[in-house]
Amino acid sequence: MIGLGLGLLIGFMGWFFLRYVLTSFYTVDQNERAVKTIFGRAERVGQATTANSPLGETLSEEHKQRYNYPQVRVIQPGGPYFKWPWEKIHKVSIATQTMNMAQDLEDPRANSNGTLLEAVTKDQLNTGLTGQIRYRVAENNLYAYLFGVKRPILHVMGYFVSVLRERIAGFEAPKSAQEGSGGLSGVSGVSINDLRKNLRDLNEHMERECASSAARYGIILDASLITGIDPPPEVESALAAINTAHNQVSSDISLAQAAADQKIVQSKRAVEIETLNAQAEVEPLIALAEQLTSLKKSGPGALQSYLRNVRLKLYGRAQQIVREVE
């Protein structure tokens, strides 16, 4: 009996050593971060919360109360670290990941098998959107990612899609873009054309609107890359015709403006030339008038002598002279 009890004790100690002691050491990779829970409660950093951190600036006052998560102690890469049997380590990857914006993680068959996201424009056209989003786990809000919601990426994608569809439904091109289209406001007002011409503004809007995802769900949206906006097939031909007509009219307007500008430049040049010619003809007359005035001031016979010399010079050049008989 003593030997049996000793054997059971040794066996229990060996099992305990293998089960808890050897497995109590762990490491954290370079692209990972970890959070330790003690009896299910994550290690906190004092009384710090999300609302009081820089992430809280992206939330409204109402959302600060709803998404006010505690700040937890983050275990950095390295090791080996030790944990007690009643402690648990939660590791997450902070590497940047890419996902098709049309992908539905709950229903892979949705959105044309995750290839095309549909949205309705302001003029009631059902368009298809293609693109990607880049995201990563927010290291400074791991509590929200690990314990705040069950599947954070589902919430982020749902929030992203709802904001995108709302933006598509009410999107209008900036006034400066419409004014620069040669006055063809009706053509510029076609919603799909406006969206295609302002993809950059649309992507920047999505990044601004989704900036609070780190505070809400612990996921940072690095970039929104909407790459394509395709109209329905029955609208494509009509849209192509509109765009062709718009391009032709824009080309004609540009050519007319160029021709008008050229004529204006030529007219200005002609005016300058005629002005210079007139000045060239007037200058000798002005000089002659000044000279005659000076001669008249020099004496009563000076002007007559000058006129006599001029006549003699003209007589010398003339081949025939006609004089009036006195």
C-alpha atoms as a PDB file:
ATOM      1  CA  MET A   1       0.000   0.000   0.000  1.00  0.00           C
ATOM      2  CA  ILE A   2       2.825   2.381   0.824  1.00  0.00           C
ATOM      3  CA  GLY A   3       4.495   1.670  -2.508  1.00  0.00           C
ATOM      4  CA  LEU A   4       1.210   2.231  -4.356  1.00  0.00           C
ATOM      5  CA  GLY A   5       0.646   5.541  -2.596  1.00  0.00           C
ATOM      6  CA  LEU A   6       4.197   6.629  -3.317  1.00  0.00           C
ATOM      7  CA  GLY A   7       3.782   5.698  -6.957  1.00  0.00           C
ATOM      8  CA  LEU A   8       0.572   7.693  -7.204  1.00  0.00           C
ATOM      9  CA  LEU A   9       2.259  10.669  -5.598  1.00  0.00           C
ATOM     10  CA  ILE A  10       5.212  10.493  -7.950  1.00  0.00           C
ATOM     11  CA  GLY A  11       2.887  10.096 -10.922  1.00  0.00           C
ATOM     12  CA  PHE A  12       0.808  13.085  -9.854  1.00  0.00           C
ATOM     13  CA  MET A  13       3.909  15.217  -9.375  1.00  0.00           C
ATOM     14  CA  GLY A  14       5.215  14.186 -12.805  1.00  0.00           C
ATOM     15  CA  TRP A  15       1.866  14.983 -14.417  1.00  0.00           C
ATOM     16  CA  PHE A  16       1.714  18.325 -12.619  1.00  0.00           C
ATOM     17  CA  PHE A  17       5.258  19.171 -13.715  1.00  0.00           C
ATOM     18  CA  LEU A  18       4.560  18.333 -17.352  1.00  0.00           C
ATOM     19  CA  ARG A  19       1.094  19.900 -17.382  1.00  0.00           C
ATOM     20  CA  TYR A  20       1.754  23.158 -15.597  1.00  0.00           C
ATOM     21  CA  VAL A  21       5.458  23.800 -15.036  1.00  0.00           C
ATOM     22  CA  LEU A  22       6.861  23.041 -18.489  1.00  0.00           C
ATOM     23  CA  THR A  23       3.905  24.720 -20.214  1.00  0.00           C
ATOM     24  CA  SER A  24       4.191  27.808 -18.031  1.00  0.00           C
ATOM     25  CA  PHE A  25       7.001  29.202 -20.158  1.00  0.00           C
ATOM     26  CA  TYR A  26       6.053  31.064 -23.323  1.00  0.00           C
ATOM     27  CA  THR A  27       7.488  33.493 -25.864  1.00  0.00           C
ATOM     28  CA  VAL A  28       6.045  36.331 -27.932  1.00  0.00           C
ATOM     29  CA  ASP A  29       7.066  36.705 -31.594  1.00  0.00           C
ATOM     30  CA  GLN A  30       8.134  39.975 -33.186  1.00  0.00           C
ATOM     31  CA  ASN A  31       4.789  40.530 -34.943  1.00  0.00           C
ATOM     32  CA  GLU A  32       2.778  39.566 -31.877  1.00  0.00           C
ATOM     33  CA  ARG A  33       1.604  41.199 -28.690  1.00  0.00           C
ATOM     34  CA  ALA A  34       0.140  39.414 -25.671  1.00  0.00           C
ATOM     35  CA  VAL A  35      -2.171  40.129 -22.747  1.00  0.00           C
ATOM     36  CA  LYS A  36      -2.206  38.115 -19.520  1.00  0.00           C
ATOM     37  CA  THR A  37      -5.389  37.310 -17.632  1.00  0.00           C
ATOM     38  CA  ILE A  38      -5.403  36.222 -13.986  1.00  0.00           C
ATOM     39  CA  PHE A  39      -8.464  34.144 -13.153  1.00  0.00           C
ATOM     40  CA  GLY A  40     -10.027  35.565 -16.306  1.00  0.00           C
ATOM     41  CA  ARG A  41      -9.301  39.232 -15.534  1.00  0.00           C
ATOM     42  CA  ALA A  42      -6.841  41.096 -17.739  1.00  0.00           C
ATOM     43  CA  GLU A  43      -3.982  42.982 -16.108  1.00  0.00           C
ATOM     44  CA  ARG A  44      -4.894  46.669 -16.055  1.00  0.00           C
ATOM     45  CA  VAL A  45      -2.693  49.779 -16.263  1.00  0.00           C
ATOM     46  CA  GLY A  46      -3.936  51.664 -13.226  1.00  0.00           C
ATOM     47  CA  GLN A  47      -7.244  53.448 -13.883  1.00  0.00           C
ATOM     48  CA  ALA A  48      -6.429  54.355 -17.518  1.00  0.00           C
ATOM     49  CA  THR A  49      -9.262  53.932 -20.016  1.00  0.00           C
ATOM     50  CA  THR A  50      -9.816  54.415 -23.732  1.00  0.00           C
ATOM     51  CA  ALA A  51     -11.845  57.585 -23.218  1.00  0.00           C
ATOM     52  CA  ASN A  52      -8.905  59.252 -21.457  1.00  0.00           C
ATOM     53  CA  SER A  53      -6.331  58.181 -24.061  1.00  0.00           C
ATOM     54  CA  PRO A  54      -5.583  59.800 -27.446  1.00  0.00           C
ATOM     55  CA  LEU A  55      -7.994  57.287 -28.996  1.00  0.00           C
ATOM     56  CA  GLY A  56     -10.828  58.978 -27.114  1.00  0.00           C
ATOM     57  CA  GLU A  57     -10.446  62.079 -29.293  1.00  0.00           C
ATOM     58  CA  THR A  58     -11.977  60.155 -32.216  1.00  0.00           C
ATOM     59  CA  LEU A  59     -15.159  59.382 -30.260  1.00  0.00           C
ATOM     60  CA  SER A  60     -18.175  61.525 -29.487  1.00  0.00           C
ATOM     61  CA  GLU A  61     -19.210  62.113 -25.889  1.00  0.00           C
ATOM     62  CA  GLU A  62     -21.918  59.468 -26.178  1.00  0.00           C
ATOM     63  CA  HIS A  63     -19.543  56.888 -27.646  1.00  0.00           C
ATOM     64  CA  LYS A  64     -16.898  57.611 -25.003  1.00  0.00           C
ATOM     65  CA  GLN A  65     -19.242  56.104 -22.444  1.00  0.00           C
ATOM     66  CA  ARG A  66     -20.161  53.143 -24.640  1.00  0.00           C
ATOM     67  CA  TYR A  67     -16.607  52.251 -25.707  1.00  0.00           C
ATOM     68  CA  ASN A  68     -14.759  53.161 -22.517  1.00  0.00           C
ATOM     69  CA  TYR A  69     -12.472  50.121 -22.277  1.00  0.00           C
ATOM     70  CA  PRO A  70      -9.717  49.741 -19.663  1.00  0.00           C
ATOM     71  CA  GLN A  71      -6.092  49.925 -20.731  1.00  0.00           C
ATOM     72  CA  VAL A  72      -4.278  46.615 -20.244  1.00  0.00           C
ATOM     73  CA  ARG A  73      -0.618  45.759 -19.822  1.00  0.00           C
ATOM     74  CA  VAL A  74       0.804  44.634 -23.168  1.00  0.00           C
ATOM     75  CA  ILE A  75       3.513  41.983 -23.179  1.00  0.00           C
ATOM     76  CA  GLN A  76       6.141  42.907 -25.759  1.00  0.00           C
ATOM     77  CA  PRO A  77       8.033  40.475 -28.029  1.00  0.00           C
ATOM     78  CA  GLY A  78      10.640  38.364 -26.280  1.00  0.00           C
ATOM     79  CA  GLY A  79      10.817  35.630 -23.693  1.00  0.00           C
ATOM     80  CA  PRO A  80      10.767  33.119 -22.343  1.00  0.00           C
ATOM     81  CA  TYR A  81       8.177  34.452 -19.893  1.00  0.00           C
ATOM     82  CA  PHE A  82       6.605  32.531 -17.035  1.00  0.00           C
ATOM     83  CA  LYS A  83       2.961  32.257 -16.068  1.00  0.00           C
ATOM     84  CA  TRP A  84       1.210  30.466 -13.231  1.00  0.00           C
ATOM     85  CA  PRO A  85      -1.361  27.763 -13.938  1.00  0.00           C
ATOM     86  CA  TRP A  86      -4.220  30.139 -13.101  1.00  0.00           C
ATOM     87  CA  GLU A  87      -2.954  32.661 -15.618  1.00  0.00           C
ATOM     88  CA  LYS A  88      -3.712  32.634 -19.361  1.00  0.00           C
ATOM     89  CA  ILE A  89      -1.885  34.314 -22.232  1.00  0.00           C
ATOM     90  CA  HIS A  90      -3.810  35.824 -25.154  1.00  0.00           C
ATOM     91  CA  LYS A  91      -1.626  36.464 -28.209  1.00  0.00           C
ATOM     92  CA  VAL A  92      -2.602  38.555 -31.231  1.00  0.00           C
ATOM     93  CA  SER A  93      -0.816  39.370 -34.473  1.00  0.00           C
ATOM     94  CA  ILE A  94      -0.289  43.071 -35.183  1.00  0.00           C
ATOM     95  CA  ALA A  95       0.834  42.516 -38.784  1.00  0.00           C
ATOM     96  CA  THR A  96      -1.028  44.521 -41.433  1.00  0.00           C
ATOM     97  CA  GLN A  97      -3.619  42.421 -43.251  1.00  0.00           C
ATOM     98  CA  THR A  98      -5.527  42.981 -46.481  1.00  0.00           C
ATOM     99  CA  MET A  99      -9.147  42.054 -47.157  1.00  0.00           C
ATOM    100  CA  ASN A 100     -11.481  42.434 -50.102  1.00  0.00           C
ATOM    101  CA  MET A 101     -14.086  45.020 -49.101  1.00  0.00           C
ATOM    102  CA  ALA A 102     -16.825  42.844 -50.611  1.00  0.00           C
ATOM    103  CA  GLN A 103     -15.938  39.819 -48.510  1.00  0.00           C
ATOM    104  CA  ASP A 104     -18.613  38.752 -46.019  1.00  0.00           C
ATOM    105  CA  LEU A 105     -17.084  36.631 -43.260  1.00  0.00           C
ATOM    106  CA  GLU A 106     -20.478  35.337 -42.139  1.00  0.00           C
ATOM    107  CA  ASP A 107     -21.796  34.421 -45.586  1.00  0.00           C
ATOM    108  CA  PRO A 108     -19.056  33.769 -48.194  1.00  0.00           C
ATOM    109  CA  ARG A 109     -21.684  33.603 -50.955  1.00  0.00           C
ATOM    110  CA  ALA A 110     -22.869  37.153 -50.351  1.00  0.00           C
ATOM    111  CA  ASN A 111     -21.772  40.078 -52.568  1.00  0.00           C
ATOM    112  CA  SER A 112     -21.246  37.846 -55.621  1.00  0.00           C
ATOM    113  CA  ASN A 113     -19.096  35.423 -53.646  1.00  0.00           C
ATOM    114  CA  GLY A 114     -17.149  38.267 -52.062  1.00  0.00           C
ATOM    115  CA  THR A 115     -16.085  39.946 -55.315  1.00  0.00           C
ATOM    116  CA  LEU A 116     -18.489  42.885 -55.781  1.00  0.00           C
ATOM    117  CA  LEU A 117     -20.057  45.200 -53.209  1.00  0.00           C
ATOM    118  CA  GLU A 118     -23.321  46.772 -54.325  1.00  0.00           C
ATOM    119  CA  ALA A 119     -24.388  50.331 -53.477  1.00  0.00           C
ATOM    120  CA  VAL A 120     -27.130  52.690 -54.700  1.00  0.00           C
ATOM    121  CA  THR A 121     -26.191  56.161 -55.983  1.00  0.00           C
ATOM    122  CA  LYS A 122     -28.178  59.385 -55.534  1.00  0.00           C
ATOM    123  CA  ASP A 123     -29.833  58.908 -58.948  1.00  0.00           C
ATOM    124  CA  GLN A 124     -30.964  55.381 -58.021  1.00  0.00           C
ATOM    125  CA  LEU A 125     -28.345  53.426 -59.951  1.00  0.00           C
ATOM    126  CA  ASN A 126     -27.208  50.135 -58.448  1.00  0.00           C
ATOM    127  CA  THR A 127     -23.426  50.172 -58.839  1.00  0.00           C
ATOM    128  CA  GLY A 128     -20.774  47.581 -58.077  1.00  0.00           C
ATOM    129  CA  LEU A 129     -17.717  48.553 -56.013  1.00  0.00           C
ATOM    130  CA  THR A 130     -14.391  46.748 -55.943  1.00  0.00           C
ATOM    131  CA  GLY A 131     -11.403  47.398 -53.739  1.00  0.00           C
ATOM    132  CA  GLN A 132      -9.537  46.437 -50.614  1.00  0.00           C
ATOM    133  CA  ILE A 133      -8.971  47.618 -47.074  1.00  0.00           C
ATOM    134  CA  ARG A 134      -5.792  47.288 -45.043  1.00  0.00           C
ATOM    135  CA  TYR A 135      -6.091  46.888 -41.301  1.00  0.00           C
ATOM    136  CA  ARG A 136      -4.157  45.849 -38.211  1.00  0.00           C
ATOM    137  CA  VAL A 137      -4.813  45.294 -34.539  1.00  0.00           C
ATOM    138  CA  ALA A 138      -4.467  48.400 -32.369  1.00  0.00           C
ATOM    139  CA  GLU A 139      -1.719  47.680 -29.852  1.00  0.00           C
ATOM    140  CA  ASN A 140      -2.962  50.457 -27.564  1.00  0.00           C
ATOM    141  CA  ASN A 141      -6.489  49.022 -27.337  1.00  0.00           C
ATOM    142  CA  LEU A 142      -6.083  45.254 -27.097  1.00  0.00           C
ATOM    143  CA  TYR A 143      -8.860  44.973 -24.519  1.00  0.00           C
ATOM    144  CA  ALA A 144     -11.446  46.017 -27.129  1.00  0.00           C
ATOM    145  CA  TYR A 145     -10.079  43.518 -29.643  1.00  0.00           C
ATOM    146  CA  LEU A 146      -9.763  40.570 -27.263  1.00  0.00           C
ATOM    147  CA  PHE A 147     -12.630  41.085 -24.839  1.00  0.00           C
ATOM    148  CA  GLY A 148     -14.812  43.980 -26.061  1.00  0.00           C
ATOM    149  CA  VAL A 149     -16.557  42.233 -28.963  1.00  0.00           C
ATOM    150  CA  LYS A 150     -16.671  38.626 -30.084  1.00  0.00           C
ATOM    151  CA  ARG A 151     -15.432  39.096 -33.666  1.00  0.00           C
ATOM    152  CA  PRO A 152     -14.093  42.638 -34.095  1.00  0.00           C
ATOM    153  CA  ILE A 153     -13.422  42.382 -37.825  1.00  0.00           C
ATOM    154  CA  LEU A 154     -17.119  41.675 -38.454  1.00  0.00           C
ATOM    155  CA  HIS A 155     -18.066  44.897 -36.671  1.00  0.00           C
ATOM    156  CA  VAL A 156     -15.395  46.874 -38.534  1.00  0.00           C
ATOM    157  CA  MET A 157     -16.487  45.556 -41.930  1.00  0.00           C
ATOM    158  CA  GLY A 158     -20.152  46.214 -41.142  1.00  0.00           C
ATOM    159  CA  TYR A 159     -19.358  49.750 -40.030  1.00  0.00           C
ATOM    160  CA  PHE A 160     -17.173  50.340 -43.105  1.00  0.00           C
ATOM    161  CA  VAL A 161     -19.807  49.088 -45.550  1.00  0.00           C
ATOM    162  CA  SER A 162     -22.594  51.136 -43.946  1.00  0.00           C
ATOM    163  CA  VAL A 163     -20.522  54.348 -44.054  1.00  0.00           C
ATOM    164  CA  LEU A 164     -19.475  53.653 -47.656  1.00  0.00           C
ATOM    165  CA  ARG A 165     -23.039  53.039 -48.841  1.00  0.00           C
ATOM    166  CA  GLU A 166     -24.246  56.187 -47.102  1.00  0.00           C
ATOM    167  CA  ARG A 167     -21.489  58.204 -48.781  1.00  0.00           C
ATOM    168  CA  ILE A 168     -22.264  56.717 -52.216  1.00  0.00           C
ATOM    169  CA  ALA A 169     -25.975  57.457 -51.815  1.00  0.00           C
ATOM    170  CA  GLY A 170     -25.412  61.154 -51.143  1.00  0.00           C
ATOM    171  CA  PHE A 171     -22.181  61.841 -53.021  1.00  0.00           C
ATOM    172  CA  GLU A 172     -21.920  65.045 -55.037  1.00  0.00           C
ATOM    173  CA  ALA A 173     -18.869  66.254 -56.910  1.00  0.00           C
ATOM    174  CA  PRO A 174     -17.152  69.367 -55.507  1.00  0.00           C
ATOM    175  CA  LYS A 175     -18.359  72.600 -57.091  1.00  0.00           C
ATOM    176  CA  SER A 176     -14.869  73.425 -58.343  1.00  0.00           C
ATOM    177  CA  ALA A 177     -14.822  70.188 -60.348  1.00  0.00           C
ATOM    178  CA  GLN A 178     -18.206  70.955 -61.905  1.00  0.00           C
ATOM    179  CA  GLU A 179     -17.262  74.537 -62.753  1.00  0.00           C
ATOM    180  CA  GLY A 180     -14.115  73.311 -64.501  1.00  0.00           C
ATOM    181  CA  SER A 181     -16.070  71.073 -66.866  1.00  0.00           C
ATOM    182  CA  GLY A 182     -16.817  73.827 -69.377  1.00  0.00           C
ATOM    183  CA  GLY A 183     -20.236  74.621 -67.960  1.00  0.00           C
ATOM    184  CA  LEU A 184     -21.644  71.128 -68.656  1.00  0.00           C
ATOM    185  CA  SER A 185     -23.126  70.769 -65.188  1.00  0.00           C
ATOM    186  CA  GLY A 186     -25.720  68.282 -66.364  1.00  0.00           C
ATOM    187  CA  VAL A 187     -23.036  65.883 -67.603  1.00  0.00           C
ATOM    188  CA  SER A 188     -20.855  66.387 -64.531  1.00  0.00           C
ATOM    189  CA  GLY A 189     -23.875  65.658 -62.321  1.00  0.00           C
ATOM    190  CA  VAL A 190     -24.030  62.003 -63.405  1.00  0.00           C
ATOM    191  CA  SER A 191     -23.339  60.239 -60.120  1.00  0.00           C
ATOM    192  CA  ILE A 192     -21.135  57.454 -61.495  1.00  0.00           C
ATOM    193  CA  ASN A 193     -18.977  59.971 -63.377  1.00  0.00           C
ATOM    194  CA  ASP A 194     -18.645  62.066 -60.217  1.00  0.00           C
ATOM    195  CA  LEU A 195     -17.648  59.015 -58.176  1.00  0.00           C
ATOM    196  CA  ARG A 196     -15.080  57.825 -60.709  1.00  0.00           C
ATOM    197  CA  LYS A 197     -13.496  61.276 -60.951  1.00  0.00           C
ATOM    198  CA  ASN A 198     -13.303  61.655 -57.167  1.00  0.00           C
ATOM    199  CA  LEU A 199     -12.119  58.219 -56.026  1.00  0.00           C
ATOM    200  CA  ARG A 200      -9.301  59.803 -54.046  1.00  0.00           C
ATOM    201  CA  ASP A 201     -11.708  62.052 -52.136  1.00  0.00           C
ATOM    202  CA  LEU A 202     -13.960  59.061 -51.496  1.00  0.00           C
ATOM    203  CA  ASN A 203     -11.066  57.002 -50.082  1.00  0.00           C
ATOM    204  CA  GLU A 204      -9.930  59.887 -47.880  1.00  0.00           C
ATOM    205  CA  HIS A 205     -13.483  60.340 -46.584  1.00  0.00           C
ATOM    206  CA  MET A 206     -13.666  56.662 -45.647  1.00  0.00           C
ATOM    207  CA  GLU A 207     -10.366  56.856 -43.772  1.00  0.00           C
ATOM    208  CA  ARG A 208     -11.592  59.875 -41.787  1.00  0.00           C
ATOM    209  CA  GLU A 209     -14.937  58.302 -40.966  1.00  0.00           C
ATOM    210  CA  CYS A 210     -13.357  55.002 -39.888  1.00  0.00           C
ATOM    211  CA  ALA A 211     -10.663  56.606 -37.738  1.00  0.00           C
ATOM    212  CA  SER A 212     -12.695  55.722 -34.631  1.00  0.00           C
ATOM    213  CA  SER A 213     -12.551  51.966 -35.352  1.00  0.00           C
ATOM    214  CA  ALA A 214      -9.412  51.678 -33.217  1.00  0.00           C
ATOM    215  CA  ALA A 215     -11.266  53.063 -30.198  1.00  0.00           C
ATOM    216  CA  ARG A 216     -14.461  51.123 -30.942  1.00  0.00           C
ATOM    217  CA  TYR A 217     -13.158  47.686 -31.882  1.00  0.00           C
ATOM    218  CA  GLY A 218      -9.372  47.713 -31.439  1.00  0.00           C
ATOM    219  CA  ILE A 219      -8.682  47.583 -35.197  1.00  0.00           C
ATOM    220  CA  ILE A 220      -6.897  50.310 -37.154  1.00  0.00           C
ATOM    221  CA  LEU A 221      -7.893  50.837 -40.792  1.00  0.00           C
ATOM    222  CA  ASP A 222      -4.600  51.722 -42.478  1.00  0.00           C
ATOM    223  CA  ALA A 223      -6.105  52.489 -45.866  1.00  0.00           C
ATOM    224  CA  SER A 224      -9.253  52.246 -47.937  1.00  0.00           C
ATOM    225  CA  LEU A 225      -8.489  51.426 -51.578  1.00  0.00           C
ATOM    226  CA  ILE A 226     -11.646  51.658 -53.698  1.00  0.00           C
ATOM    227  CA  THR A 227     -10.361  50.805 -57.146  1.00  0.00           C
ATOM    228  CA  GLY A 228     -13.458  50.370 -59.310  1.00  0.00           C
ATOM    229  CA  ILE A 229     -17.020  51.652 -59.648  1.00  0.00           C
ATOM    230  CA  ASP A 230     -18.983  49.807 -62.318  1.00  0.00           C
ATOM    231  CA  PRO A 231     -22.527  50.718 -63.429  1.00  0.00           C
ATOM    232  CA  PRO A 232     -25.161  48.104 -64.341  1.00  0.00           C
ATOM    233  CA  PRO A 233     -24.685  46.536 -67.806  1.00  0.00           C
ATOM    234  CA  GLU A 234     -27.808  48.215 -69.184  1.00  0.00           C
ATOM    235  CA  VAL A 235     -26.428  51.631 -68.169  1.00  0.00           C
ATOM    236  CA  GLU A 236     -22.868  51.106 -69.408  1.00  0.00           C
ATOM    237  CA  SER A 237     -23.620  51.833 -73.094  1.00  0.00           C
ATOM    238  CA  ALA A 238     -25.648  54.950 -72.305  1.00  0.00           C
ATOM    239  CA  LEU A 239     -22.964  56.173 -69.937  1.00  0.00           C
ATOM    240  CA  ALA A 240     -20.291  55.578 -72.565  1.00  0.00           C
ATOM    241  CA  ALA A 241     -22.327  57.642 -75.061  1.00  0.00           C
ATOM    242  CA  ILE A 242     -22.703  60.467 -72.545  1.00  0.00           C
ATOM    243  CA  ASN A 243     -18.989  60.441 -71.803  1.00  0.00           C
ATOM    244  CA  THR A 244     -18.142  60.420 -75.521  1.00  0.00           C
ATOM    245  CA  ALA A 245     -20.424  63.388 -76.200  1.00  0.00           C
ATOM    246  CA  HIS A 246     -19.015  65.197 -73.183  1.00  0.00           C
ATOM    247  CA  ASN A 247     -15.457  64.622 -74.348  1.00  0.00           C
ATOM    248  CA  GLN A 248     -16.305  65.813 -77.877  1.00  0.00           C
ATOM    249  CA  VAL A 249     -17.986  68.979 -76.612  1.00  0.00           C
ATOM    250  CA  SER A 250     -15.113  69.631 -74.221  1.00  0.00           C
ATOM    251  CA  SER A 251     -12.667  69.210 -77.108  1.00  0.00           C
ATOM    252  CA  ASP A 252     -14.642  71.632 -79.307  1.00  0.00           C
ATOM    253  CA  ILE A 253     -14.807  74.175 -76.497  1.00  0.00           C
ATOM    254  CA  SER A 254     -11.061  73.892 -75.921  1.00  0.00           C
ATOM    255  CA  LEU A 255     -10.332  74.371 -79.627  1.00  0.00           C
ATOM    256  CA  ALA A 256     -12.649  77.392 -79.795  1.00  0.00           C
ATOM    257  CA  GLN A 257     -11.033  78.919 -76.726  1.00  0.00           C
ATOM    258  CA  ALA A 258      -7.574  78.336 -78.200  1.00  0.00           C
ATOM    259  CA  ALA A 259      -8.579  79.964 -81.519  1.00  0.00           C
ATOM    260  CA  ALA A 260     -10.129  82.926 -79.697  1.00  0.00           C
ATOM    261  CA  ASP A 261      -7.027  83.349 -77.551  1.00  0.00           C
ATOM    262  CA  GLN A 262      -4.848  83.265 -80.664  1.00  0.00           C
ATOM    263  CA  LYS A 263      -6.948  85.953 -82.380  1.00  0.00           C
ATOM    264  CA  ILE A 264      -6.829  88.127 -79.290  1.00  0.00           C
ATOM    265  CA  VAL A 265      -3.047  87.857 -79.190  1.00  0.00           C
ATOM    266  CA  GLN A 266      -2.802  88.672 -82.892  1.00  0.00           C
ATOM    267  CA  SER A 267      -5.108  91.689 -82.472  1.00  0.00           C
ATOM    268  CA  LYS A 268      -3.049  92.983 -79.574  1.00  0.00           C
ATOM    269  CA  ARG A 269       0.098  92.584 -81.642  1.00  0.00           C
ATOM    270  CA  ALA A 270      -1.430  94.440 -84.608  1.00  0.00           C
ATOM    271  CA  VAL A 271      -2.505  97.307 -82.338  1.00  0.00           C
ATOM    272  CA  GLU A 272       1.020  97.522 -80.942  1.00  0.00           C
ATOM    273  CA  ILE A 273       2.539  97.614 -84.454  1.00  0.00           C
ATOM    274  CA  GLU A 274       0.171 100.351 -85.671  1.00  0.00           C
ATOM    275  CA  THR A 275       0.821 102.338 -82.518  1.00  0.00           C
ATOM    276  CA  LEU A 276       4.563 102.151 -83.099  1.00  0.00           C
ATOM    277  CA  ASN A 277       4.144 103.184 -86.764  1.00  0.00           C
ATOM    278  CA  ALA A 278       2.061 106.183 -85.766  1.00  0.00           C
ATOM    279  CA  GLN A 279       4.622 107.176 -83.171  1.00  0.00           C
ATOM    280  CA  ALA A 280       7.362 106.847 -85.788  1.00  0.00           C
ATOM    281  CA  GLU A 281       5.499 109.224 -88.132  1.00  0.00           C
ATOM    282  CA  VAL A 282       4.676 111.736 -85.429  1.00  0.00           C
ATOM    283  CA  GLU A 283       8.174 111.985 -83.925  1.00  0.00           C
ATOM    284  CA  PRO A 284       9.782 113.756 -86.980  1.00  0.00           C
ATOM    285  CA  LEU A 285       6.905 116.247 -87.120  1.00  0.00           C
ATOM    286  CA  ILE A 286       7.306 117.041 -83.436  1.00  0.00           C
ATOM    287  CA  ALA A 287      11.058 117.462 -83.898  1.00  0.00           C
ATOM    288  CA  LEU A 288      10.500 119.732 -86.936  1.00  0.00           C
ATOM    289  CA  ALA A 289       8.024 121.874 -84.991  1.00  0.00           C
ATOM    290  CA  GLU A 290      10.495 122.271 -82.139  1.00  0.00           C
ATOM    291  CA  GLN A 291      13.238 123.180 -84.628  1.00  0.00           C
ATOM    292  CA  LEU A 292      11.110 125.815 -86.374  1.00  0.00           C
ATOM    293  CA  THR A 293      10.135 127.294 -83.026  1.00  0.00           C
ATOM    294  CA  SER A 294      13.789 127.632 -82.084  1.00  0.00           C
ATOM    295  CA  LEU A 295      14.616 129.292 -85.442  1.00  0.00           C
ATOM    296  CA  LYS A 296      11.787 131.763 -85.041  1.00  0.00           C
ATOM    297  CA  LYS A 297      13.093 132.776 -81.636  1.00  0.00           C
ATOM    298  CA  SER A 298      16.637 133.357 -82.969  1.00  0.00           C
ATOM    299  CA  GLY A 299      15.619 136.319 -85.188  1.00  0.00           C
ATOM    300  CA  PRO A 300      13.040 137.706 -87.676  1.00  0.00           C
ATOM    301  CA  GLY A 301      14.954 136.587 -90.802  1.00  0.00           C
ATOM    302  CA  ALA A 302      16.061 133.170 -89.608  1.00  0.00           C
ATOM    303  CA  LEU A 303      12.814 131.418 -90.444  1.00  0.00           C
ATOM    304  CA  GLN A 304      12.713 132.960 -93.951  1.00  0.00           C
ATOM    305  CA  SER A 305      16.308 131.898 -94.572  1.00  0.00           C
ATOM    306  CA  TYR A 306      15.477 128.388 -93.510  1.00  0.00           C
ATOM    307  CA  LEU A 307      12.482 128.232 -95.831  1.00  0.00           C
ATOM    308  CA  ARG A 308      14.627 129.582 -98.721  1.00  0.00           C
ATOM    309  CA  ASN A 309      17.256 126.897 -98.134  1.00  0.00           C
ATOM    310  CA  VAL A 310      14.612 124.213 -98.050  1.00  0.00           C
ATOM    311  CA  ARG A 311      13.162 125.433-101.360  1.00  0.00           C
ATOM    312  CA  LEU A 312      16.588 125.455-102.970  1.00  0.00           C
ATOM    313  CA  LYS A 313      17.182 121.922-101.810  1.00  0.00           C
ATOM    314  CA  LEU A 314      13.849 120.832-103.251  1.00  0.00           C
ATOM    315  CA  TYR A 315      14.544 122.663-106.509  1.00  0.00           C
ATOM    316  CA  GLY A 316      17.830 120.784-106.785  1.00  0.00           C
ATOM    317  CA  ARG A 317      16.032 117.443-106.553  1.00  0.00           C
ATOM    318  CA  ALA A 318      13.139 118.285-108.850  1.00  0.00           C
ATOM    319  CA  GLN A 319      13.286 117.503-112.558  1.00  0.00           C
ATOM    320  CA  GLN A 320      10.515 119.951-113.475  1.00  0.00           C
ATOM    321  CA  ILE A 321       9.254 123.038-111.723  1.00  0.00           C
ATOM    322  CA  VAL A 322       5.864 124.659-112.256  1.00  0.00           C
ATOM    323  CA  ARG A 323       5.669 128.200-111.033  1.00  0.00           C
ATOM    324  CA  GLU A 324       2.700 130.455-110.887  1.00  0.00           C
ATOM    325  CA  VAL A 325       2.984 133.537-113.088  1.00  0.00           C
ATOM    326  CA  GLU A 326       2.919 136.682-111.032  1.00  0.00           C
END
